[in-house]
N, C-alpha and C. Protein backbone atom coordinates (compact mmCIF):
# COMPACT_ATOMS: atom_id res chain seq x y z
N MET A 1 107.93 110.69 88.41
CA MET A 1 107.42 111.32 87.23
C MET A 1 106.90 112.70 87.57
N THR A 2 107.10 113.59 86.70
CA THR A 2 106.62 114.95 86.91
C THR A 2 105.43 115.21 86.01
N PRO A 3 104.62 116.20 86.36
CA PRO A 3 103.47 116.49 85.52
C PRO A 3 103.83 116.87 84.09
N THR A 4 105.05 117.34 83.86
CA THR A 4 105.45 117.72 82.51
C THR A 4 106.03 116.56 81.73
N ASP A 5 106.27 115.44 82.36
CA ASP A 5 106.81 114.26 81.70
C ASP A 5 105.72 113.68 80.80
N SER A 6 105.99 113.63 79.49
CA SER A 6 104.97 113.18 78.55
C SER A 6 104.64 111.69 78.69
N THR A 7 105.48 110.93 79.37
CA THR A 7 105.20 109.52 79.57
C THR A 7 104.45 109.26 80.88
N ALA A 8 104.27 110.30 81.68
CA ALA A 8 103.61 110.14 82.97
C ALA A 8 102.13 109.83 82.79
N PRO A 9 101.61 108.84 83.50
CA PRO A 9 100.17 108.59 83.46
C PRO A 9 99.44 109.84 83.95
N SER A 10 98.30 110.11 83.39
CA SER A 10 97.61 111.36 83.69
C SER A 10 96.46 111.19 84.67
N CYS A 11 96.39 110.08 85.37
CA CYS A 11 95.20 109.80 86.15
C CYS A 11 94.88 110.86 87.18
N ALA A 12 95.86 111.45 87.80
CA ALA A 12 95.59 112.42 88.86
C ALA A 12 95.16 113.77 88.32
N HIS A 13 95.37 114.02 87.05
CA HIS A 13 95.09 115.35 86.52
C HIS A 13 93.89 115.42 85.58
N ASP A 14 93.67 114.40 84.79
CA ASP A 14 92.72 114.50 83.69
C ASP A 14 91.44 113.71 83.88
N LEU A 15 91.32 112.94 84.92
CA LEU A 15 90.19 112.05 85.09
C LEU A 15 89.41 112.38 86.35
N ASP A 16 88.14 111.96 86.38
CA ASP A 16 87.39 112.08 87.62
C ASP A 16 87.75 110.90 88.53
N ALA A 17 87.14 110.85 89.69
CA ALA A 17 87.48 109.82 90.69
C ALA A 17 87.36 108.41 90.12
N PHE A 18 86.31 108.16 89.36
CA PHE A 18 86.12 106.81 88.82
C PHE A 18 87.12 106.51 87.73
N GLY A 19 87.48 107.51 86.97
CA GLY A 19 88.54 107.35 85.97
C GLY A 19 89.88 107.08 86.63
N ILE A 20 90.15 107.77 87.73
CA ILE A 20 91.39 107.55 88.48
C ILE A 20 91.45 106.11 88.97
N LEU A 21 90.36 105.64 89.55
CA LEU A 21 90.33 104.27 90.07
C LEU A 21 90.56 103.24 88.96
N ARG A 22 89.90 103.44 87.83
CA ARG A 22 90.08 102.50 86.71
C ARG A 22 91.48 102.58 86.11
N GLN A 23 92.02 103.78 86.00
CA GLN A 23 93.38 103.94 85.47
C GLN A 23 94.38 103.24 86.39
N CYS A 24 94.18 103.36 87.69
CA CYS A 24 95.05 102.65 88.63
C CYS A 24 94.96 101.15 88.40
N HIS A 25 93.76 100.65 88.20
CA HIS A 25 93.59 99.23 87.90
C HIS A 25 94.37 98.84 86.65
N ASP A 26 94.30 99.69 85.63
CA ASP A 26 95.04 99.39 84.39
C ASP A 26 96.54 99.30 84.66
N HIS A 27 97.07 100.21 85.47
CA HIS A 27 98.50 100.18 85.80
C HIS A 27 98.85 98.91 86.57
N ILE A 28 98.02 98.56 87.53
CA ILE A 28 98.26 97.35 88.32
C ILE A 28 98.19 96.11 87.43
N LEU A 29 97.17 96.05 86.57
CA LEU A 29 97.03 94.90 85.68
C LEU A 29 98.23 94.76 84.75
N SER A 30 98.80 95.86 84.30
CA SER A 30 99.97 95.77 83.42
C SER A 30 101.16 95.16 84.16
N LYS A 31 101.30 95.48 85.43
CA LYS A 31 102.40 94.89 86.21
C LYS A 31 102.10 93.43 86.54
N LEU A 32 100.84 93.09 86.70
CA LEU A 32 100.48 91.69 86.94
C LEU A 32 100.82 90.83 85.72
N GLU A 33 100.70 91.39 84.53
CA GLU A 33 101.10 90.66 83.33
C GLU A 33 102.58 90.34 83.37
N VAL A 34 103.39 91.30 83.79
CA VAL A 34 104.84 91.08 83.92
C VAL A 34 105.09 90.02 84.98
N LEU A 35 104.41 90.12 86.11
CA LEU A 35 104.58 89.16 87.20
C LEU A 35 104.22 87.75 86.73
N GLU A 36 103.16 87.63 85.98
CA GLU A 36 102.76 86.32 85.47
C GLU A 36 103.82 85.77 84.50
N ALA A 37 104.37 86.61 83.66
CA ALA A 37 105.42 86.17 82.73
C ALA A 37 106.66 85.70 83.48
N VAL A 38 107.02 86.41 84.54
CA VAL A 38 108.15 85.98 85.36
C VAL A 38 107.85 84.64 86.01
N ALA A 39 106.63 84.46 86.49
CA ALA A 39 106.25 83.18 87.10
C ALA A 39 106.43 82.04 86.11
N VAL A 40 106.02 82.24 84.88
CA VAL A 40 106.18 81.22 83.84
C VAL A 40 107.66 80.89 83.66
N ASP A 41 108.49 81.93 83.59
CA ASP A 41 109.94 81.72 83.44
C ASP A 41 110.52 80.96 84.64
N LEU A 42 110.09 81.34 85.83
CA LEU A 42 110.64 80.72 87.05
C LEU A 42 110.25 79.27 87.20
N GLU A 43 109.12 78.89 86.66
CA GLU A 43 108.68 77.50 86.76
C GLU A 43 109.62 76.55 86.02
N ARG A 44 110.41 77.08 85.14
CA ARG A 44 111.35 76.27 84.35
C ARG A 44 112.80 76.38 84.85
N ARG A 45 113.01 77.03 85.97
CA ARG A 45 114.38 77.30 86.42
C ARG A 45 114.65 76.74 87.81
N ALA A 46 115.92 76.50 88.06
CA ALA A 46 116.36 76.08 89.39
C ALA A 46 116.85 77.27 90.20
N GLU A 47 117.11 78.37 89.52
CA GLU A 47 117.57 79.58 90.23
C GLU A 47 117.13 80.82 89.46
N PHE A 48 117.22 81.95 90.15
CA PHE A 48 116.84 83.22 89.55
C PHE A 48 117.93 83.72 88.61
N SER A 49 117.51 84.36 87.55
CA SER A 49 118.47 85.10 86.72
C SER A 49 118.43 86.56 87.17
N ASP A 50 119.45 87.32 86.81
CA ASP A 50 119.46 88.75 87.14
C ASP A 50 118.28 89.46 86.48
N ALA A 51 117.94 89.05 85.27
CA ALA A 51 116.81 89.67 84.56
C ALA A 51 115.50 89.42 85.30
N GLU A 52 115.31 88.22 85.80
CA GLU A 52 114.08 87.91 86.53
C GLU A 52 114.01 88.70 87.83
N LEU A 53 115.12 88.80 88.53
CA LEU A 53 115.14 89.58 89.76
C LEU A 53 114.84 91.05 89.47
N ALA A 54 115.38 91.57 88.38
CA ALA A 54 115.12 92.97 88.02
C ALA A 54 113.64 93.17 87.69
N ARG A 55 113.04 92.24 86.97
CA ARG A 55 111.62 92.35 86.64
C ARG A 55 110.76 92.26 87.90
N LEU A 56 111.12 91.35 88.80
CA LEU A 56 110.38 91.24 90.06
C LEU A 56 110.51 92.53 90.88
N CYS A 57 111.70 93.07 90.92
CA CYS A 57 111.94 94.32 91.66
C CYS A 57 111.08 95.44 91.09
N ASP A 58 111.02 95.55 89.77
CA ASP A 58 110.21 96.58 89.12
C ASP A 58 108.74 96.42 89.48
N VAL A 59 108.24 95.19 89.40
CA VAL A 59 106.83 94.94 89.71
C VAL A 59 106.54 95.27 91.17
N ILE A 60 107.36 94.78 92.07
CA ILE A 60 107.11 95.01 93.50
C ILE A 60 107.22 96.47 93.86
N THR A 61 108.17 97.17 93.29
CA THR A 61 108.30 98.59 93.56
C THR A 61 107.06 99.35 93.14
N MET A 62 106.57 99.06 91.94
CA MET A 62 105.36 99.73 91.48
C MET A 62 104.16 99.37 92.34
N LEU A 63 103.98 98.09 92.62
CA LEU A 63 102.83 97.66 93.42
C LEU A 63 102.91 98.19 94.85
N ASP A 64 104.12 98.24 95.43
CA ASP A 64 104.28 98.78 96.78
C ASP A 64 103.93 100.27 96.84
N THR A 65 104.03 100.94 95.73
CA THR A 65 103.66 102.36 95.66
C THR A 65 102.19 102.52 95.30
N ALA A 66 101.77 101.84 94.25
CA ALA A 66 100.42 102.05 93.71
C ALA A 66 99.31 101.49 94.59
N ILE A 67 99.52 100.31 95.12
CA ILE A 67 98.43 99.65 95.85
C ILE A 67 98.02 100.41 97.11
N PRO A 68 98.95 100.88 97.94
CA PRO A 68 98.51 101.66 99.10
C PRO A 68 97.75 102.93 98.73
N ILE A 69 98.18 103.60 97.66
CA ILE A 69 97.47 104.80 97.21
C ILE A 69 96.06 104.42 96.75
N HIS A 70 95.99 103.40 95.92
CA HIS A 70 94.70 102.96 95.39
C HIS A 70 93.78 102.47 96.51
N SER A 71 94.32 101.69 97.42
CA SER A 71 93.51 101.20 98.55
C SER A 71 93.00 102.36 99.39
N ALA A 72 93.84 103.37 99.60
CA ALA A 72 93.41 104.55 100.36
C ALA A 72 92.31 105.29 99.60
N ASP A 73 92.43 105.38 98.27
CA ASP A 73 91.37 106.01 97.48
C ASP A 73 90.03 105.32 97.75
N GLU A 74 90.07 104.01 97.83
CA GLU A 74 88.83 103.27 98.06
C GLU A 74 88.42 103.33 99.52
N GLU A 75 89.31 102.96 100.43
CA GLU A 75 88.95 102.79 101.84
C GLU A 75 88.73 104.12 102.57
N GLN A 76 89.42 105.16 102.16
CA GLN A 76 89.31 106.44 102.87
C GLN A 76 88.45 107.46 102.13
N THR A 77 88.17 107.23 100.86
CA THR A 77 87.42 108.20 100.08
C THR A 77 86.13 107.61 99.53
N LEU A 78 86.24 106.60 98.66
CA LEU A 78 85.05 106.05 98.00
C LEU A 78 84.14 105.31 98.97
N PHE A 79 84.68 104.37 99.73
CA PHE A 79 83.84 103.53 100.59
C PHE A 79 83.09 104.35 101.65
N PRO A 80 83.73 105.30 102.34
CA PRO A 80 82.96 106.10 103.29
C PRO A 80 81.81 106.87 102.63
N ALA A 81 82.06 107.38 101.41
CA ALA A 81 80.99 108.09 100.71
C ALA A 81 79.83 107.15 100.40
N LEU A 82 80.13 105.93 100.00
CA LEU A 82 79.08 104.95 99.72
C LEU A 82 78.35 104.55 100.98
N ARG A 83 79.10 104.34 102.06
CA ARG A 83 78.47 103.89 103.32
C ARG A 83 77.56 104.94 103.92
N ALA A 84 77.74 106.18 103.52
CA ALA A 84 76.92 107.27 104.05
C ALA A 84 75.62 107.45 103.27
N ARG A 85 75.43 106.64 102.23
CA ARG A 85 74.27 106.81 101.36
C ARG A 85 73.44 105.52 101.31
N PRO A 86 72.11 105.70 101.12
CA PRO A 86 71.30 104.52 100.86
C PRO A 86 71.76 103.87 99.57
N PRO A 87 71.78 102.63 99.45
CA PRO A 87 71.21 101.61 100.32
C PRO A 87 72.18 101.06 101.36
N PHE A 88 73.34 101.68 101.52
CA PHE A 88 74.39 101.11 102.38
C PHE A 88 74.42 101.70 103.78
N GLU A 89 73.82 102.82 104.00
CA GLU A 89 73.87 103.50 105.29
C GLU A 89 73.39 102.55 106.39
N GLY A 90 74.28 102.30 107.37
CA GLY A 90 73.94 101.45 108.49
C GLY A 90 73.87 99.97 108.17
N THR A 91 74.34 99.58 107.02
CA THR A 91 74.26 98.19 106.58
C THR A 91 75.60 97.49 106.79
N GLU A 92 75.54 96.24 107.20
CA GLU A 92 76.75 95.42 107.32
C GLU A 92 76.78 94.44 106.16
N GLY A 93 77.98 93.95 105.85
CA GLY A 93 78.12 92.97 104.79
C GLY A 93 77.98 93.59 103.40
N THR A 94 78.44 94.79 103.26
CA THR A 94 78.33 95.49 101.98
C THR A 94 79.42 95.01 101.01
N PRO A 95 79.28 95.34 99.75
CA PRO A 95 80.35 95.03 98.80
C PRO A 95 81.68 95.68 99.21
N MET A 96 81.61 96.84 99.85
CA MET A 96 82.83 97.51 100.30
C MET A 96 83.54 96.69 101.38
N ASP A 97 82.76 96.06 102.26
CA ASP A 97 83.35 95.21 103.30
C ASP A 97 84.11 94.06 102.66
N CYS A 98 83.51 93.47 101.64
CA CYS A 98 84.16 92.36 100.92
C CYS A 98 85.47 92.83 100.29
N MET A 99 85.45 94.00 99.65
CA MET A 99 86.66 94.52 99.00
C MET A 99 87.75 94.81 100.03
N GLU A 100 87.37 95.34 101.19
CA GLU A 100 88.36 95.61 102.24
C GLU A 100 88.98 94.32 102.76
N GLN A 101 88.17 93.28 102.90
CA GLN A 101 88.72 91.99 103.31
C GLN A 101 89.71 91.48 102.29
N GLU A 102 89.40 91.65 101.03
CA GLU A 102 90.33 91.22 99.98
C GLU A 102 91.61 92.07 100.00
N HIS A 103 91.50 93.34 100.34
CA HIS A 103 92.71 94.17 100.46
C HIS A 103 93.65 93.57 101.51
N GLY A 104 93.09 93.07 102.59
CA GLY A 104 93.91 92.42 103.61
C GLY A 104 94.57 91.16 103.09
N LEU A 105 93.84 90.38 102.32
CA LEU A 105 94.42 89.19 101.69
C LEU A 105 95.56 89.58 100.76
N HIS A 106 95.38 90.66 100.02
CA HIS A 106 96.42 91.10 99.07
C HIS A 106 97.72 91.46 99.79
N LYS A 107 97.61 92.06 100.96
CA LYS A 107 98.82 92.36 101.74
C LYS A 107 99.55 91.08 102.11
N ALA A 108 98.81 90.06 102.51
CA ALA A 108 99.42 88.77 102.85
C ALA A 108 100.06 88.12 101.63
N LEU A 109 99.42 88.25 100.47
CA LEU A 109 99.98 87.68 99.25
C LEU A 109 101.28 88.37 98.87
N MET A 110 101.35 89.68 99.05
CA MET A 110 102.58 90.42 98.75
C MET A 110 103.70 89.98 99.69
N ILE A 111 103.38 89.80 100.94
CA ILE A 111 104.39 89.34 101.91
C ILE A 111 104.89 87.95 101.50
N ALA A 112 104.00 87.06 101.13
CA ALA A 112 104.41 85.71 100.72
C ALA A 112 105.30 85.77 99.49
N LEU A 113 104.97 86.63 98.54
CA LEU A 113 105.81 86.77 97.35
C LEU A 113 107.20 87.28 97.72
N LYS A 114 107.25 88.30 98.54
CA LYS A 114 108.55 88.86 98.94
C LYS A 114 109.38 87.83 99.70
N ARG A 115 108.76 87.05 100.55
CA ARG A 115 109.49 86.02 101.30
C ARG A 115 110.07 84.97 100.36
N ALA A 116 109.28 84.57 99.38
CA ALA A 116 109.77 83.57 98.42
C ALA A 116 110.95 84.12 97.63
N ILE A 117 110.87 85.38 97.26
CA ILE A 117 111.99 86.01 96.54
C ILE A 117 113.22 86.08 97.44
N MET A 118 113.02 86.49 98.69
CA MET A 118 114.16 86.58 99.62
C MET A 118 114.84 85.24 99.82
N LYS A 119 114.08 84.17 99.79
CA LYS A 119 114.64 82.82 99.94
C LYS A 119 115.29 82.33 98.65
N ARG A 120 115.13 83.11 97.58
CA ARG A 120 115.66 82.75 96.26
C ARG A 120 115.15 81.38 95.82
N ASP A 121 113.83 81.20 96.04
CA ASP A 121 113.18 79.95 95.70
C ASP A 121 112.29 80.17 94.48
N PRO A 122 112.78 79.78 93.29
CA PRO A 122 112.00 80.03 92.07
C PRO A 122 110.61 79.39 92.09
N ALA A 123 110.50 78.16 92.57
CA ALA A 123 109.20 77.47 92.57
C ALA A 123 108.22 78.17 93.50
N ALA A 124 108.66 78.50 94.70
CA ALA A 124 107.79 79.20 95.65
C ALA A 124 107.43 80.59 95.14
N THR A 125 108.38 81.26 94.50
CA THR A 125 108.12 82.59 93.94
C THR A 125 107.08 82.49 92.83
N ALA A 126 107.24 81.50 91.95
CA ALA A 126 106.27 81.32 90.86
C ALA A 126 104.88 81.05 91.41
N THR A 127 104.79 80.20 92.42
CA THR A 127 103.50 79.88 93.02
C THR A 127 102.88 81.11 93.66
N ALA A 128 103.67 81.85 94.43
CA ALA A 128 103.17 83.06 95.10
C ALA A 128 102.75 84.10 94.06
N ALA A 129 103.54 84.23 93.01
CA ALA A 129 103.22 85.21 91.96
C ALA A 129 101.91 84.85 91.27
N ARG A 130 101.75 83.59 90.91
CA ARG A 130 100.51 83.18 90.23
C ARG A 130 99.29 83.37 91.14
N HIS A 131 99.43 83.06 92.42
CA HIS A 131 98.33 83.24 93.36
C HIS A 131 97.96 84.73 93.44
N MET A 132 98.97 85.57 93.53
CA MET A 132 98.74 87.01 93.60
C MET A 132 98.06 87.53 92.33
N VAL A 133 98.54 87.10 91.19
CA VAL A 133 97.96 87.53 89.92
C VAL A 133 96.48 87.12 89.85
N THR A 134 96.19 85.88 90.19
CA THR A 134 94.81 85.38 90.13
C THR A 134 93.90 86.17 91.06
N GLU A 135 94.34 86.36 92.29
CA GLU A 135 93.51 87.07 93.28
C GLU A 135 93.28 88.53 92.87
N TYR A 136 94.34 89.21 92.46
CA TYR A 136 94.19 90.61 92.07
C TYR A 136 93.31 90.76 90.84
N ARG A 137 93.48 89.92 89.86
CA ARG A 137 92.64 90.03 88.66
C ARG A 137 91.17 89.85 89.01
N GLY A 138 90.87 88.87 89.84
CA GLY A 138 89.49 88.67 90.26
C GLY A 138 88.94 89.86 91.02
N HIS A 139 89.75 90.41 91.90
CA HIS A 139 89.35 91.57 92.69
C HIS A 139 89.08 92.78 91.79
N ILE A 140 90.00 93.04 90.90
CA ILE A 140 89.85 94.18 89.99
C ILE A 140 88.63 94.00 89.10
N ASP A 141 88.40 92.79 88.65
CA ASP A 141 87.22 92.54 87.81
C ASP A 141 85.94 92.84 88.58
N LYS A 142 85.87 92.42 89.84
CA LYS A 142 84.67 92.70 90.66
C LYS A 142 84.48 94.20 90.84
N GLU A 143 85.58 94.91 91.09
CA GLU A 143 85.44 96.35 91.28
C GLU A 143 85.04 97.04 89.98
N ASN A 144 85.69 96.69 88.88
CA ASN A 144 85.39 97.35 87.60
C ASN A 144 83.99 97.02 87.09
N SER A 145 83.54 95.77 87.26
CA SER A 145 82.28 95.37 86.67
C SER A 145 81.07 95.50 87.60
N ILE A 146 81.31 95.52 88.92
CA ILE A 146 80.19 95.57 89.86
C ILE A 146 80.24 96.81 90.75
N LEU A 147 81.33 96.94 91.51
CA LEU A 147 81.40 98.00 92.52
C LEU A 147 81.40 99.40 91.91
N PHE A 148 82.26 99.66 90.94
CA PHE A 148 82.36 101.01 90.40
C PHE A 148 81.10 101.44 89.67
N PRO A 149 80.49 100.58 88.82
CA PRO A 149 79.23 101.01 88.19
C PRO A 149 78.14 101.30 89.23
N MET A 150 78.07 100.47 90.28
CA MET A 150 77.09 100.70 91.34
C MET A 150 77.40 102.02 92.05
N ALA A 151 78.68 102.26 92.32
CA ALA A 151 79.08 103.50 93.00
C ALA A 151 78.74 104.72 92.15
N GLN A 152 78.91 104.60 90.84
CA GLN A 152 78.60 105.73 89.97
C GLN A 152 77.10 106.04 89.97
N GLN A 153 76.28 105.04 90.18
CA GLN A 153 74.83 105.29 90.28
C GLN A 153 74.48 105.94 91.60
N VAL A 154 75.08 105.44 92.69
CA VAL A 154 74.79 105.96 94.02
C VAL A 154 75.38 107.36 94.20
N LEU A 155 76.58 107.56 93.69
CA LEU A 155 77.28 108.84 93.84
C LEU A 155 77.28 109.59 92.50
N SER A 156 76.11 109.96 92.06
CA SER A 156 75.97 110.56 90.74
C SER A 156 76.01 112.09 90.73
N ASP A 157 75.95 112.71 91.88
CA ASP A 157 75.98 114.17 91.95
C ASP A 157 77.37 114.66 91.53
N PRO A 158 77.47 115.51 90.51
CA PRO A 158 78.77 115.98 90.03
C PRO A 158 79.61 116.63 91.13
N ALA A 159 78.99 117.33 92.06
CA ALA A 159 79.76 117.95 93.15
C ALA A 159 80.37 116.89 94.06
N GLU A 160 79.64 115.82 94.28
CA GLU A 160 80.15 114.73 95.11
C GLU A 160 81.31 114.02 94.42
N VAL A 161 81.16 113.77 93.13
CA VAL A 161 82.25 113.13 92.37
C VAL A 161 83.47 114.05 92.36
N ARG A 162 83.25 115.35 92.23
CA ARG A 162 84.36 116.31 92.25
C ARG A 162 85.07 116.27 93.60
N ALA A 163 84.34 116.16 94.68
CA ALA A 163 84.95 116.07 96.01
C ALA A 163 85.80 114.80 96.13
N LEU A 164 85.29 113.69 95.63
CA LEU A 164 86.07 112.44 95.64
C LEU A 164 87.34 112.61 94.81
N THR A 165 87.20 113.22 93.65
CA THR A 165 88.35 113.44 92.76
C THR A 165 89.40 114.29 93.44
N LEU A 166 88.98 115.37 94.07
CA LEU A 166 89.93 116.27 94.74
C LEU A 166 90.65 115.56 95.88
N ALA A 167 89.93 114.70 96.61
CA ALA A 167 90.57 113.94 97.69
C ALA A 167 91.64 113.00 97.15
N MET A 168 91.35 112.35 96.03
CA MET A 168 92.32 111.43 95.42
C MET A 168 93.52 112.19 94.87
N GLN A 169 93.28 113.33 94.28
CA GLN A 169 94.38 114.16 93.77
C GLN A 169 95.23 114.67 94.93
N ALA A 170 94.60 115.08 96.01
CA ALA A 170 95.34 115.58 97.18
C ALA A 170 96.22 114.48 97.77
N ARG A 171 95.71 113.25 97.78
CA ARG A 171 96.49 112.12 98.30
C ARG A 171 97.78 111.98 97.50
N ARG A 172 97.70 112.09 96.21
CA ARG A 172 98.87 111.96 95.34
C ARG A 172 99.84 113.13 95.55
N ARG A 173 99.28 114.33 95.67
CA ARG A 173 100.15 115.50 95.92
C ARG A 173 100.89 115.34 97.23
N ALA A 174 100.20 114.89 98.26
CA ALA A 174 100.83 114.72 99.58
C ALA A 174 101.96 113.70 99.54
N LEU A 175 101.85 112.72 98.65
CA LEU A 175 102.87 111.68 98.52
C LEU A 175 103.87 112.00 97.41
N ASP A 176 103.66 113.13 96.75
CA ASP A 176 104.53 113.59 95.67
C ASP A 176 104.63 112.58 94.55
N VAL A 177 103.49 112.03 94.17
CA VAL A 177 103.40 111.14 93.02
C VAL A 177 102.32 111.67 92.10
N ASP A 178 102.48 111.38 90.82
CA ASP A 178 101.52 111.88 89.85
C ASP A 178 100.66 110.76 89.29
N ALA A 179 100.94 109.56 89.65
CA ALA A 179 100.25 108.43 89.05
C ALA A 179 99.80 107.46 90.13
N CYS A 180 99.07 106.47 89.67
CA CYS A 180 98.56 105.44 90.57
C CYS A 180 99.59 104.35 90.74
């Protein structure tokens, strides 16, 4: 997508860092809805249809692009800024640590989903897809309802938020993507 494409998500251009993070969540959640619908379809089948494979390919392609960018926004930009400030400075077992552990789980879930698809096993694919959808939705809910509001209180200086925003925008420019 190009910046002039009217259908392109505008997260990298029009939003601050917290808006970018939430917009990325919205994009991921929309693909999780598709993944869940495919899982429902696969639970009733003995084999994949071309349409289901195409939908899975679309979801995985988007998630393989969006999730590393989004995780980097958090792990390389947001979390270090939070860890450098009270009440987190020098603290172990922070909410950020929990989110990073879940990011690792998400990588394993994606691998399990891809393996099930490669084996052309509809039941295993449906199970892996549902597990991934459940885990991601819970993770996103924690970030949207707990972590991000807390981060906005801790990182309330407009100059600091602008620095976070610029880092996230630079990440997208370096990868030549305009969206999450």
